[in-house]
PDB file of N, CA and C in Angstrom:
ATOM      1  N   MET A   1      34.782   4.240  10.456  1.00  0.00           N
ATOM      2  CA  MET A   1      35.930   3.672  11.135  1.00  0.00           C
ATOM      3  C   MET A   1      37.153   3.823  10.229  1.00  0.00           C
ATOM      4  N   ALA A   2      38.295   4.180  10.801  1.00  0.00           N
ATOM      5  CA  ALA A   2      39.538   4.366  10.045  1.00  0.00           C
ATOM      6  C   ALA A   2      40.096   3.017   9.613  1.00  0.00           C
ATOM      7  N   PRO A   3      40.707   2.975   8.416  1.00  0.00           N
ATOM      8  CA  PRO A   3      41.313   1.720   7.956  1.00  0.00           C
ATOM      9  C   PRO A   3      42.434   1.278   8.882  1.00  0.00           C
ATOM     10  N   ALA A   4      42.647  -0.021   8.945  1.00  0.00           N
ATOM     11  CA  ALA A   4      43.713  -0.579   9.771  1.00  0.00           C
ATOM     12  C   ALA A   4      45.067  -0.110   9.244  1.00  0.00           C
ATOM     13  N   THR A   5      46.035   0.021  10.144  1.00  0.00           N
ATOM     14  CA  THR A   5      47.397   0.361   9.752  1.00  0.00           C
ATOM     15  C   THR A   5      48.115  -0.927   9.388  1.00  0.00           C
ATOM     16  N   LEU A   6      48.725  -0.937   8.216  1.00  0.00           N
ATOM     17  CA  LEU A   6      49.394  -2.140   7.733  1.00  0.00           C
ATOM     18  C   LEU A   6      50.899  -1.925   7.673  1.00  0.00           C
ATOM     19  N   GLU A   7      51.643  -2.995   7.907  1.00  0.00           N
ATOM     20  CA  GLU A   7      53.096  -2.959   7.772  1.00  0.00           C
ATOM     21  C   GLU A   7      53.466  -3.290   6.331  1.00  0.00           C
ATOM     22  N   CYS A   8      54.636  -2.837   5.910  1.00  0.00           N
ATOM     23  CA  CYS A   8      55.111  -3.079   4.541  1.00  0.00           C
ATOM     24  C   CYS A   8      55.124  -4.568   4.209  1.00  0.00           C
ATOM     25  N   ARG A   9      55.527  -5.389   5.149  1.00  0.00           N
ATOM     26  CA  ARG A   9      55.585  -6.844   4.920  1.00  0.00           C
ATOM     27  C   ARG A   9      54.198  -7.390   4.582  1.00  0.00           C
ATOM     28  N   THR A  10      53.193  -6.912   5.273  1.00  0.00           N
ATOM     29  CA  THR A  10      51.818  -7.345   5.019  1.00  0.00           C
ATOM     30  C   THR A  10      51.350  -6.863   3.651  1.00  0.00           C
ATOM     31  N   VAL A  11      51.636  -5.614   3.351  1.00  0.00           N
ATOM     32  CA  VAL A  11      51.241  -5.040   2.063  1.00  0.00           C
ATOM     33  C   VAL A  11      51.897  -5.817   0.923  1.00  0.00           C
ATOM     34  N   ALA A  12      53.179  -6.115   1.054  1.00  0.00           N
ATOM     35  CA  ALA A  12      53.902  -6.851   0.011  1.00  0.00           C
ATOM     36  C   ALA A  12      53.266  -8.216  -0.238  1.00  0.00           C
ATOM     37  N   GLY A  13      52.789  -8.849   0.808  1.00  0.00           N
ATOM     38  CA  GLY A  13      52.169 -10.158   0.665  1.00  0.00           C
ATOM     39  C   GLY A  13      50.778 -10.119   0.065  1.00  0.00           C
ATOM     40  N   GLU A  14      50.164  -8.942   0.032  1.00  0.00           N
ATOM     41  CA  GLU A  14      48.791  -8.826  -0.469  1.00  0.00           C
ATOM     42  C   GLU A  14      48.661  -7.950  -1.709  1.00  0.00           C
ATOM     43  N   ILE A  15      49.783  -7.508  -2.258  1.00  0.00           N
ATOM     44  CA  ILE A  15      49.739  -6.590  -3.402  1.00  0.00           C
ATOM     45  C   ILE A  15      49.023  -7.206  -4.603  1.00  0.00           C
ATOM     46  N   TRP A  16      49.303  -8.475  -4.923  1.00  0.00           N
ATOM     47  CA  TRP A  16      48.643  -9.097  -6.084  1.00  0.00           C
ATOM     48  C   TRP A  16      47.140  -9.192  -5.852  1.00  0.00           C
ATOM     49  N   ALA A  17      46.729  -9.563  -4.661  1.00  0.00           N
ATOM     50  CA  ALA A  17      45.299  -9.643  -4.359  1.00  0.00           C
ATOM     51  C   ALA A  17      44.651  -8.258  -4.463  1.00  0.00           C
ATOM     52  N   TYR A  18      45.365  -7.235  -4.024  1.00  0.00           N
ATOM     53  CA  TYR A  18      44.877  -5.860  -4.144  1.00  0.00           C
ATOM     54  C   TYR A  18      44.691  -5.497  -5.616  1.00  0.00           C
ATOM     55  N   MET A  19      45.693  -5.785  -6.417  1.00  0.00           N
ATOM     56  CA  MET A  19      45.632  -5.452  -7.840  1.00  0.00           C
ATOM     57  C   MET A  19      44.515  -6.201  -8.556  1.00  0.00           C
ATOM     58  N   ASP A  20      44.227  -7.415  -8.108  1.00  0.00           N
ATOM     59  CA  ASP A  20      43.183  -8.232  -8.728  1.00  0.00           C
ATOM     60  C   ASP A  20      41.787  -7.927  -8.185  1.00  0.00           C
ATOM     61  N   GLY A  21      41.694  -7.011  -7.212  1.00  0.00           N
ATOM     62  CA  GLY A  21      40.389  -6.663  -6.646  1.00  0.00           C
ATOM     63  C   GLY A  21      39.814  -7.746  -5.759  1.00  0.00           C
ATOM     64  N   GLU A  22      40.693  -8.559  -5.161  1.00  0.00           N
ATOM     65  CA  GLU A  22      40.245  -9.694  -4.349  1.00  0.00           C
ATOM     66  C   GLU A  22      40.091  -9.368  -2.866  1.00  0.00           C
ATOM     67  N   LEU A  23      40.483  -8.168  -2.459  1.00  0.00           N
ATOM     68  CA  LEU A  23      40.420  -7.820  -1.034  1.00  0.00           C
ATOM     69  C   LEU A  23      39.071  -7.213  -0.691  1.00  0.00           C
ATOM     70  N   SER A  24      38.709  -7.318   0.570  1.00  0.00           N
ATOM     71  CA  SER A  24      37.487  -6.668   1.031  1.00  0.00           C
ATOM     72  C   SER A  24      37.662  -5.155   0.880  1.00  0.00           C
ATOM     73  N   THR A  25      36.555  -4.446   0.887  1.00  0.00           N
ATOM     74  CA  THR A  25      36.601  -2.985   0.778  1.00  0.00           C
ATOM     75  C   THR A  25      37.455  -2.382   1.883  1.00  0.00           C
ATOM     76  N   GLU A  26      37.303  -2.898   3.085  1.00  0.00           N
ATOM     77  CA  GLU A  26      38.056  -2.371   4.221  1.00  0.00           C
ATOM     78  C   GLU A  26      39.557  -2.608   4.052  1.00  0.00           C
ATOM     79  N   ARG A  27      39.913  -3.802   3.597  1.00  0.00           N
ATOM     80  CA  ARG A  27      41.328  -4.132   3.429  1.00  0.00           C
ATOM     81  C   ARG A  27      41.925  -3.318   2.283  1.00  0.00           C
ATOM     82  N   ALA A  28      41.188  -3.173   1.190  1.00  0.00           N
ATOM     83  CA  ALA A  28      41.667  -2.364   0.063  1.00  0.00           C
ATOM     84  C   ALA A  28      41.855  -0.908   0.496  1.00  0.00           C
ATOM     85  N   ASP A  29      40.948  -0.390   1.325  1.00  0.00           N
ATOM     86  CA  ASP A  29      41.095   0.966   1.847  1.00  0.00           C
ATOM     87  C   ASP A  29      42.367   1.092   2.674  1.00  0.00           C
ATOM     88  N   ALA A  30      42.638   0.091   3.510  1.00  0.00           N
ATOM     89  CA  ALA A  30      43.853   0.103   4.333  1.00  0.00           C
ATOM     90  C   ALA A  30      45.098   0.057   3.454  1.00  0.00           C
ATOM     91  N   MET A  31      45.040  -0.693   2.378  1.00  0.00           N
ATOM     92  CA  MET A  31      46.163  -0.749   1.445  1.00  0.00           C
ATOM     93  C   MET A  31      46.383   0.619   0.803  1.00  0.00           C
ATOM     94  N   ARG A  32      45.293   1.269   0.361  1.00  0.00           N
ATOM     95  CA  ARG A  32      45.414   2.599  -0.260  1.00  0.00           C
ATOM     96  C   ARG A  32      46.013   3.611   0.715  1.00  0.00           C
ATOM     97  N   VAL A  33      45.591   3.552   1.955  1.00  0.00           N
ATOM     98  CA  VAL A  33      46.145   4.459   2.975  1.00  0.00           C
ATOM     99  C   VAL A  33      47.639   4.203   3.117  1.00  0.00           C
ATOM    100  N   HIS A  34      48.017   2.938   3.140  1.00  0.00           N
ATOM    101  CA  HIS A  34      49.436   2.602   3.256  1.00  0.00           C
ATOM    102  C   HIS A  34      50.207   3.126   2.041  1.00  0.00           C
ATOM    103  N   PHE A  35      49.694   2.900   0.836  1.00  0.00           N
ATOM    104  CA  PHE A  35      50.372   3.378  -0.368  1.00  0.00           C
ATOM    105  C   PHE A  35      50.536   4.895  -0.345  1.00  0.00           C
ATOM    106  N   ASP A  36      49.517   5.598   0.161  1.00  0.00           N
ATOM    107  CA  ASP A  36      49.589   7.061   0.232  1.00  0.00           C
ATOM    108  C   ASP A  36      50.757   7.540   1.089  1.00  0.00           C
ATOM    109  N   GLY A  37      51.148   6.729   2.072  1.00  0.00           N
ATOM    110  CA  GLY A  37      52.206   7.148   2.979  1.00  0.00           C
ATOM    111  C   GLY A  37      53.522   6.404   2.835  1.00  0.00           C
ATOM    112  N   CYS A  38      53.633   5.496   1.876  1.00  0.00           N
ATOM    113  CA  CYS A  38      54.840   4.673   1.773  1.00  0.00           C
ATOM    114  C   CYS A  38      55.339   4.644   0.328  1.00  0.00           C
ATOM    115  N   ALA A  39      56.411   5.372   0.087  1.00  0.00           N
ATOM    116  CA  ALA A  39      56.978   5.446  -1.261  1.00  0.00           C
ATOM    117  C   ALA A  39      57.496   4.087  -1.728  1.00  0.00           C
ATOM    118  N   GLY A  40      58.062   3.299  -0.833  1.00  0.00           N
ATOM    119  CA  GLY A  40      58.605   1.990  -1.207  1.00  0.00           C
ATOM    120  C   GLY A  40      57.526   1.037  -1.691  1.00  0.00           C
ATOM    121  N   CYS A  41      56.440   0.955  -0.973  1.00  0.00           N
ATOM    122  CA  CYS A  41      55.348   0.056  -1.377  1.00  0.00           C
ATOM    123  C   CYS A  41      54.640   0.583  -2.625  1.00  0.00           C
ATOM    124  N   THR A  42      54.538   1.909  -2.742  1.00  0.00           N
ATOM    125  CA  THR A  42      53.943   2.492  -3.941  1.00  0.00           C
ATOM    126  C   THR A  42      54.792   2.155  -5.157  1.00  0.00           C
ATOM    127  N   ALA A  43      56.115   2.193  -5.011  1.00  0.00           N
ATOM    128  CA  ALA A  43      57.013   1.835  -6.112  1.00  0.00           C
ATOM    129  C   ALA A  43      56.813   0.372  -6.505  1.00  0.00           C
ATOM    130  N   GLN A  44      56.637  -0.497  -5.518  1.00  0.00           N
ATOM    131  CA  GLN A  44      56.390  -1.915  -5.814  1.00  0.00           C
ATOM    132  C   GLN A  44      55.068  -2.090  -6.548  1.00  0.00           C
ATOM    133  N   LEU A  45      54.046  -1.381  -6.130  1.00  0.00           N
ATOM    134  CA  LEU A  45      52.741  -1.441  -6.797  1.00  0.00           C
ATOM    135  C   LEU A  45      52.875  -0.983  -8.246  1.00  0.00           C
ATOM    136  N   GLU A  46      53.557   0.131  -8.462  1.00  0.00           N
ATOM    137  CA  GLU A  46      53.726   0.659  -9.814  1.00  0.00           C
ATOM    138  C   GLU A  46      54.542  -0.300 -10.682  1.00  0.00           C
ATOM    139  N   TYR A  47      55.601  -0.880 -10.126  1.00  0.00           N
ATOM    140  CA  TYR A  47      56.431  -1.842 -10.853  1.00  0.00           C
ATOM    141  C   TYR A  47      55.596  -3.041 -11.299  1.00  0.00           C
ATOM    142  N   ARG A  48      54.792  -3.557 -10.385  1.00  0.00           N
ATOM    143  CA  ARG A  48      53.965  -4.717 -10.710  1.00  0.00           C
ATOM    144  C   ARG A  48      52.895  -4.365 -11.739  1.00  0.00           C
ATOM    145  N   GLN A  49      52.389  -3.127 -11.675  1.00  0.00           N
ATOM    146  CA  GLN A  49      51.386  -2.711 -12.659  1.00  0.00           C
ATOM    147  C   GLN A  49      52.010  -2.611 -14.045  1.00  0.00           C
ATOM    148  N   VAL A  50      53.222  -2.080 -14.130  1.00  0.00           N
ATOM    149  CA  VAL A  50      53.925  -2.016 -15.413  1.00  0.00           C
ATOM    150  C   VAL A  50      54.159  -3.428 -15.946  1.00  0.00           C
ATOM    151  N   PHE A  51      54.551  -4.335 -15.060  1.00  0.00           N
ATOM    152  CA  PHE A  51      54.766  -5.734 -15.433  1.00  0.00           C
ATOM    153  C   PHE A  51      53.484  -6.343 -16.005  1.00  0.00           C
ATOM    154  N   MET A  52      52.372  -6.163 -15.301  1.00  0.00           N
ATOM    155  CA  MET A  52      51.104  -6.728 -15.755  1.00  0.00           C
ATOM    156  C   MET A  52      50.649  -6.092 -17.073  1.00  0.00           C
ATOM    157  N   ASP A  53      50.867  -4.795 -17.220  1.00  0.00           N
ATOM    158  CA  ASP A  53      50.508  -4.131 -18.476  1.00  0.00           C
ATOM    159  C   ASP A  53      51.303  -4.723 -19.639  1.00  0.00           C
ATOM    160  N   ALA A  54      52.589  -4.987 -19.412  1.00  0.00           N
ATOM    161  CA  ALA A  54      53.428  -5.586 -20.463  1.00  0.00           C
ATOM    162  C   ALA A  54      52.938  -6.988 -20.813  1.00  0.00           C
ATOM    163  N   ILE A  55      52.555  -7.765 -19.804  1.00  0.00           N
ATOM    164  CA  ILE A  55      52.022  -9.117 -20.049  1.00  0.00           C
ATOM    165  C   ILE A  55      50.738  -9.028 -20.875  1.00  0.00           C
ATOM    166  N   HIS A  56      49.824  -8.156 -20.459  1.00  0.00           N
ATOM    167  CA  HIS A  56      48.556  -8.028 -21.185  1.00  0.00           C
ATOM    168  C   HIS A  56      48.778  -7.567 -22.618  1.00  0.00           C
ATOM    169  N   GLU A  57      49.705  -6.649 -22.827  1.00  0.00           N
ATOM    170  CA  GLU A  57      49.997  -6.176 -24.172  1.00  0.00           C
ATOM    171  C   GLU A  57      50.558  -7.310 -25.024  1.00  0.00           C
ATOM    172  N   SER A  58      51.423  -8.104 -24.426  1.00  0.00           N
ATOM    173  CA  SER A  58      52.028  -9.225 -25.139  1.00  0.00           C
ATOM    174  C   SER A  58      50.970 -10.264 -25.507  1.00  0.00           C
ATOM    175  N   ILE A  59      50.105 -10.549 -24.581  1.00  0.00           N
ATOM    176  CA  ILE A  59      49.061 -11.555 -24.805  1.00  0.00           C
ATOM    177  C   ILE A  59      48.045 -11.075 -25.835  1.00  0.00           C
ATOM    178  N   SER A  60      47.699  -9.798 -25.786  1.00  0.00           N
ATOM    179  CA  SER A  60      46.661  -9.302 -26.685  1.00  0.00           C
ATOM    180  C   SER A  60      47.086  -9.362 -28.142  1.00  0.00           C
ATOM    181  N   SER A  61      48.388  -9.418 -28.399  1.00  0.00           N
ATOM    182  CA  SER A  61      48.856  -9.504 -29.780  1.00  0.00           C
ATOM    183  C   SER A  61      48.883 -10.948 -30.283  1.00  0.00           C
ATOM    184  N   GLN A  62      48.653 -11.899 -29.396  1.00  0.00           N
ATOM    185  CA  GLN A  62      48.656 -13.315 -29.773  1.00  0.00           C
ATOM    186  C   GLN A  62      47.223 -13.768 -30.049  1.00  0.00           C
ATOM    187  N   LYS A  63      47.044 -14.459 -31.141  1.00  0.00           N
ATOM    188  CA  LYS A  63      45.724 -14.981 -31.497  1.00  0.00           C
ATOM    189  C   LYS A  63      45.731 -16.499 -31.392  1.00  0.00           C
ATOM    190  N   THR A  64      44.676 -17.041 -30.819  1.00  0.00           N
ATOM    191  CA  THR A  64      44.535 -18.486 -30.705  1.00  0.00           C
ATOM    192  C   THR A  64      44.145 -19.052 -32.063  1.00  0.00           C
ATOM    193  N   PRO A  65      44.870 -20.069 -32.516  1.00  0.00           N
ATOM    194  CA  PRO A  65      44.492 -20.689 -33.794  1.00  0.00           C
ATOM    195  C   PRO A  65      43.068 -21.247 -33.698  1.00  0.00           C
ATOM    196  N   PRO A  66      42.267 -21.067 -34.730  1.00  0.00           N
ATOM    197  CA  PRO A  66      40.868 -21.519 -34.690  1.00  0.00           C
ATOM    198  C   PRO A  66      40.721 -23.000 -34.358  1.00  0.00           C
ATOM    199  N   ALA A  67      41.590 -23.866 -34.866  1.00  0.00           N
ATOM    200  CA  ALA A  67      41.483 -25.303 -34.600  1.00  0.00           C
ATOM    201  C   ALA A  67      41.699 -25.597 -33.118  1.00  0.00           C
ATOM    202  N   LEU A  68      42.651 -24.915 -32.490  1.00  0.00           N
ATOM    203  CA  LEU A  68      42.898 -25.105 -31.060  1.00  0.00           C
ATOM    204  C   LEU A  68      41.718 -24.602 -30.245  1.00  0.00           C
ATOM    205  N   ARG A  69      41.209 -23.457 -30.620  1.00  0.00           N
ATOM    206  CA  ARG A  69      40.036 -22.900 -29.923  1.00  0.00           C
ATOM    207  C   ARG A  69      38.873 -23.886 -29.972  1.00  0.00           C
ATOM    208  N   GLU A  70      38.631 -24.457 -31.125  1.00  0.00           N
ATOM    209  CA  GLU A  70      37.529 -25.414 -31.290  1.00  0.00           C
ATOM    210  C   GLU A  70      37.745 -26.656 -30.426  1.00  0.00           C
ATOM    211  N   LYS A  71      38.969 -27.165 -30.379  1.00  0.00           N
ATOM    212  CA  LYS A  71      39.275 -28.342 -29.548  1.00  0.00           C
ATOM    213  C   LYS A  71      39.030 -28.061 -28.074  1.00  0.00           C
ATOM    214  N   VAL A  72      39.472 -26.894 -27.626  1.00  0.00           N
ATOM    215  CA  VAL A  72      39.302 -26.529 -26.217  1.00  0.00           C
ATOM    216  C   VAL A  72      37.816 -26.392 -25.883  1.00  0.00           C
ATOM    217  N   LEU A  73      37.074 -25.691 -26.715  1.00  0.00           N
ATOM    218  CA  LEU A  73      35.633 -25.527 -26.470  1.00  0.00           C
ATOM    219  C   LEU A  73      34.903 -26.859 -26.484  1.00  0.00           C
ATOM    220  N   THR A  74      35.248 -27.723 -27.416  1.00  0.00           N
ATOM    221  CA  THR A  74      34.636 -29.053 -27.481  1.00  0.00           C
ATOM    222  C   THR A  74      34.924 -29.841 -26.213  1.00  0.00           C
ATOM    223  N   ALA A  75      36.170 -29.798 -25.743  1.00  0.00           N
ATOM    224  CA  ALA A  75      36.543 -30.519 -24.522  1.00  0.00           C
ATOM    225  C   ALA A  75      35.811 -29.950 -23.313  1.00  0.00           C
ATOM    226  N   LEU A  76      35.676 -28.644 -23.236  1.00  0.00           N
ATOM    227  CA  LEU A  76      34.970 -28.011 -22.110  1.00  0.00           C
ATOM    228  C   LEU A  76      33.501 -28.407 -22.086  1.00  0.00           C
ATOM    229  N   PHE A  77      32.859 -28.367 -23.240  1.00  0.00           N
ATOM    230  CA  PHE A  77      31.436 -28.719 -23.297  1.00  0.00           C
ATOM    231  C   PHE A  77      31.229 -30.214 -23.021  1.00  0.00           C
ATOM    232  N   ALA A  78      32.157 -31.035 -23.440  1.00  0.00           N
ATOM    233  CA  ALA A  78      32.051 -32.472 -23.197  1.00  0.00           C
ATOM    234  C   ALA A  78      32.188 -32.782 -21.716  1.00  0.00           C
ATOM    235  N   ALA A  79      33.011 -32.003 -21.030  1.00  0.00           N
ATOM    236  CA  ALA A  79      33.243 -32.243 -19.591  1.00  0.00           C
ATOM    237  C   ALA A  79      32.083 -31.722 -18.747  1.00  0.00           C
ATOM    238  N   ALA A  80      31.296 -30.813 -19.279  1.00  0.00           N
ATOM    239  CA  ALA A  80      30.214 -30.201 -18.500  1.00  0.00           C
ATOM    240  C   ALA A  80      29.009 -31.078 -18.363  1.00  0.00           C
TER     241      ALA A  80
END
């Protein structure tokens, strides 16, 4: 069965879920078909991917202080 045809407004509202892998296979396929035919939505996808890459790069250079890590783990285990 062919993927559903999506409007740009719908794609824009689901782009983050698409990027996070939260959509069903069928919905993700429909999104890919839309991106293949829509330069505007593809540009938005690429922009958001660059944004997320910058966030991940920024975060990966930050290290959690050992004392804070220990406090968080202790609190998590105590709550469980």
